[in-house]
Protein backbone atom coordinates (compact mmCIF):
# COMPACT_ATOMS: atom_id res chain seq x y z
CA UNK A 1 -19.33 -165.20 16.71
CA UNK A 2 -22.90 -163.90 16.58
CA UNK A 3 -21.74 -160.80 14.67
CA UNK A 4 -19.98 -162.94 12.06
CA UNK A 5 -23.00 -165.19 11.64
CA UNK A 6 -25.26 -162.16 11.29
CA UNK A 7 -22.96 -160.71 8.63
CA UNK A 8 -22.97 -163.98 6.68
CA UNK A 9 -26.76 -164.15 6.85
CA UNK A 10 -27.07 -160.56 5.55
CA UNK A 11 -24.65 -161.28 2.72
CA UNK A 12 -26.56 -164.42 1.78
CA UNK A 13 -29.86 -162.53 1.86
CA UNK A 14 -28.45 -159.75 -0.34
CA UNK A 15 -27.10 -162.32 -2.81
CA UNK A 16 -30.46 -164.10 -3.04
CA UNK A 17 -32.26 -160.76 -3.47
CA UNK A 18 -29.83 -159.61 -6.19
CA UNK A 19 -30.25 -162.88 -8.11
CA UNK A 20 -34.04 -162.66 -7.85
CA UNK A 21 -33.97 -159.05 -9.07
CA UNK A 22 -31.75 -160.02 -12.02
CA UNK A 23 -34.19 -162.82 -12.96
CA UNK A 24 -37.16 -160.45 -12.76
CA UNK A 25 -35.35 -157.82 -14.85
CA UNK A 26 -34.41 -160.38 -17.51
CA UNK A 27 -38.06 -161.45 -17.76
CA UNK A 28 -39.36 -157.87 -17.91
CA UNK A 29 -41.53 -156.77 -20.79
CA UNK A 30 -40.73 -153.31 -22.11
CA UNK A 31 -43.39 -151.20 -23.80
CA UNK A 32 -42.29 -148.80 -26.56
CA UNK A 33 -44.61 -145.84 -26.16
CA UNK A 34 -45.85 -142.79 -28.05
CA UNK A 35 -48.47 -140.14 -27.26
CA UNK A 36 -52.13 -141.11 -27.57
CA UNK A 37 -52.53 -138.63 -30.44
CA UNK A 38 -49.44 -139.83 -32.32
CA UNK A 39 -50.05 -141.43 -35.70
CA UNK A 40 -49.72 -145.20 -35.72
CA UNK A 41 -46.29 -146.41 -36.76
CA UNK A 42 -45.18 -149.92 -37.65
CA UNK A 43 -41.81 -150.52 -36.02
CA UNK A 44 -39.44 -153.43 -35.89
CA UNK A 45 -36.12 -153.94 -34.09
CA UNK A 46 -34.08 -152.33 -36.88
CA UNK A 47 -36.33 -149.24 -37.05
CA UNK A 48 -36.20 -148.87 -33.26
CA UNK A 49 -32.42 -149.28 -33.27
CA UNK A 50 -32.11 -146.56 -35.92
CA UNK A 51 -34.38 -144.19 -34.00
CA UNK A 52 -32.49 -144.51 -30.72
CA UNK A 53 -29.08 -144.34 -32.43
CA UNK A 54 -30.36 -141.25 -34.28
CA UNK A 55 -29.80 -142.79 -37.71
CA UNK A 56 -33.49 -142.19 -38.46
CA UNK A 57 -34.59 -138.71 -37.45
CA UNK A 58 -37.97 -138.17 -39.12
CA UNK A 59 -41.36 -139.83 -38.78
CA UNK A 60 -43.22 -140.73 -41.99
CA UNK A 61 -45.15 -137.42 -41.72
CA UNK A 62 -41.86 -135.44 -41.80
CA UNK A 63 -41.90 -134.49 -38.12
CA UNK A 64 -38.60 -134.78 -36.21
CA UNK A 65 -38.52 -137.86 -33.97
CA UNK A 66 -37.93 -137.02 -30.31
CA UNK A 67 -36.64 -140.22 -28.64
CA UNK A 68 -36.27 -140.29 -24.87
CA UNK A 69 -34.11 -142.70 -22.87
CA UNK A 70 -34.20 -143.60 -19.23
CA UNK A 71 -30.97 -142.82 -17.36
CA UNK A 72 -28.02 -145.11 -18.10
CA UNK A 73 -28.25 -146.78 -14.71
CA UNK A 74 -31.99 -147.54 -14.88
CA UNK A 75 -32.56 -151.33 -15.18
CA UNK A 76 -35.18 -150.87 -17.93
CA UNK A 77 -32.71 -148.74 -19.95
CA UNK A 78 -30.04 -151.40 -19.62
CA UNK A 79 -32.45 -154.10 -20.79
CA UNK A 80 -33.75 -151.91 -23.64
CA UNK A 81 -30.21 -151.20 -24.85
CA UNK A 82 -29.29 -154.88 -24.74
CA UNK A 83 -32.46 -156.02 -26.55
CA UNK A 84 -32.56 -153.29 -29.20
CA UNK A 85 -29.00 -152.13 -29.83
CA UNK A 86 -27.20 -155.17 -28.48
CA UNK A 87 -24.99 -153.06 -26.21
CA UNK A 88 -25.10 -151.77 -22.65
CA UNK A 89 -25.32 -147.99 -22.14
CA UNK A 90 -21.61 -147.74 -21.21
CA UNK A 91 -20.66 -149.49 -24.44
CA UNK A 92 -22.47 -146.79 -26.42
CA UNK A 93 -20.25 -143.99 -25.07
CA UNK A 94 -17.71 -144.29 -27.91
CA UNK A 95 -20.53 -144.24 -30.46
CA UNK A 96 -22.01 -141.06 -28.98
CA UNK A 97 -18.59 -139.40 -28.66
CA UNK A 98 -18.05 -140.01 -32.38
CA UNK A 99 -21.56 -138.81 -33.26
CA UNK A 100 -21.03 -135.63 -31.24
CA UNK A 101 -18.34 -134.54 -33.73
CA UNK A 102 -20.91 -134.95 -36.51
CA UNK A 103 -23.44 -132.79 -34.68
CA UNK A 104 -25.60 -135.74 -33.58
CA UNK A 105 -26.60 -135.86 -29.93
CA UNK A 106 -27.94 -138.83 -27.96
CA UNK A 107 -31.63 -138.98 -27.07
CA UNK A 108 -32.80 -136.88 -24.16
CA UNK A 109 -32.61 -138.90 -20.91
CA UNK A 110 -34.92 -138.83 -17.89
CA UNK A 111 -34.57 -140.40 -14.46
CA UNK A 112 -37.87 -142.25 -14.10
CA UNK A 113 -40.53 -144.10 -16.03
CA UNK A 114 -43.07 -141.50 -14.91
CA UNK A 115 -40.89 -138.76 -16.43
CA UNK A 116 -40.63 -140.76 -19.68
CA UNK A 117 -44.42 -141.16 -19.82
CA UNK A 118 -44.92 -137.43 -19.21
CA UNK A 119 -42.36 -136.48 -21.87
CA UNK A 120 -43.87 -138.81 -24.47
CA UNK A 121 -47.49 -137.96 -23.66
CA UNK A 122 -46.85 -134.25 -24.30
CA UNK A 123 -45.49 -134.61 -27.84
CA UNK A 124 -46.86 -136.53 -30.81
CA UNK A 125 -43.27 -136.67 -32.15
CA UNK A 126 -41.80 -138.33 -29.04
CA UNK A 127 -41.05 -142.02 -28.51
CA UNK A 128 -39.82 -143.75 -25.39
CA UNK A 129 -40.05 -146.95 -23.40
CA UNK A 130 -41.08 -148.09 -19.94
CA UNK A 131 -41.85 -151.40 -18.28
CA UNK A 132 -45.20 -152.72 -19.51
CA UNK A 133 -46.75 -152.36 -16.06
CA UNK A 134 -45.92 -148.63 -15.98
CA UNK A 135 -48.07 -147.87 -19.05
CA UNK A 136 -51.20 -145.82 -18.43
CA UNK A 137 -53.85 -144.03 -20.50
CA UNK A 138 -51.64 -141.06 -21.35
CA UNK A 139 -49.67 -143.08 -23.91
CA UNK A 140 -50.17 -145.91 -26.36
CA UNK A 141 -47.92 -148.89 -26.96
CA UNK A 142 -46.42 -149.38 -30.41
CA UNK A 143 -44.34 -152.42 -29.60
CA UNK A 144 -43.52 -154.79 -26.76
CA UNK A 145 -39.98 -156.04 -26.19
CA UNK A 146 -40.26 -159.41 -24.49
CA UNK A 147 -37.57 -161.94 -23.54
CA UNK A 148 -38.80 -163.99 -26.52
CA UNK A 149 -38.67 -161.13 -29.03
CA UNK A 150 -40.86 -158.31 -30.30
CA UNK A 151 -44.65 -158.09 -30.39
CA UNK A 152 -46.88 -155.38 -31.82
CA UNK A 153 -48.53 -153.01 -29.36
CA UNK A 154 -52.01 -153.32 -28.03
CA UNK A 155 -53.54 -154.36 -24.76
CA UNK A 156 -51.04 -154.16 -21.90
CA UNK A 157 -53.03 -156.59 -19.73
CA UNK A 158 -51.50 -159.50 -21.64
CA UNK A 159 -48.08 -158.51 -20.26
CA UNK A 160 -49.17 -156.91 -17.01
CA UNK A 161 -52.14 -158.66 -15.37
CA UNK A 162 -52.97 -155.80 -12.98
CA UNK A 163 -53.98 -153.55 -15.92
């Protein structure tokens, strides 16, 4: 009896935790980042969609855009894909399989937000995204993706009070 009760309590706790995590993830603010020395770019949802689907491959200065994704299972990647492309990472597999036959490869993917920041900070041609609270002085924010929509980059403290 005690074992069964304990199991039910653990399951209830896990369910509450999972729901809370889903709520936090849905409310997350994502920062679209570039290197500090990258030229300023005005981006909107369509431009971002085209960059990460590799429909737009050059910056205004003619340099090849180097987009970087988080891994397909990362919660910020899932949210980014939903907000920008309107699809989850798994739903993009057919798109990328088709693009492969045209010589177009998906953006490079990294496992962590720290790795994305490092990748972006080392190349003025790179663009990536992380949660707003992960942003530090190595990168600058071009755009914020909020639950309410898109906002131009700037001070992260508006979206992440501990900055």
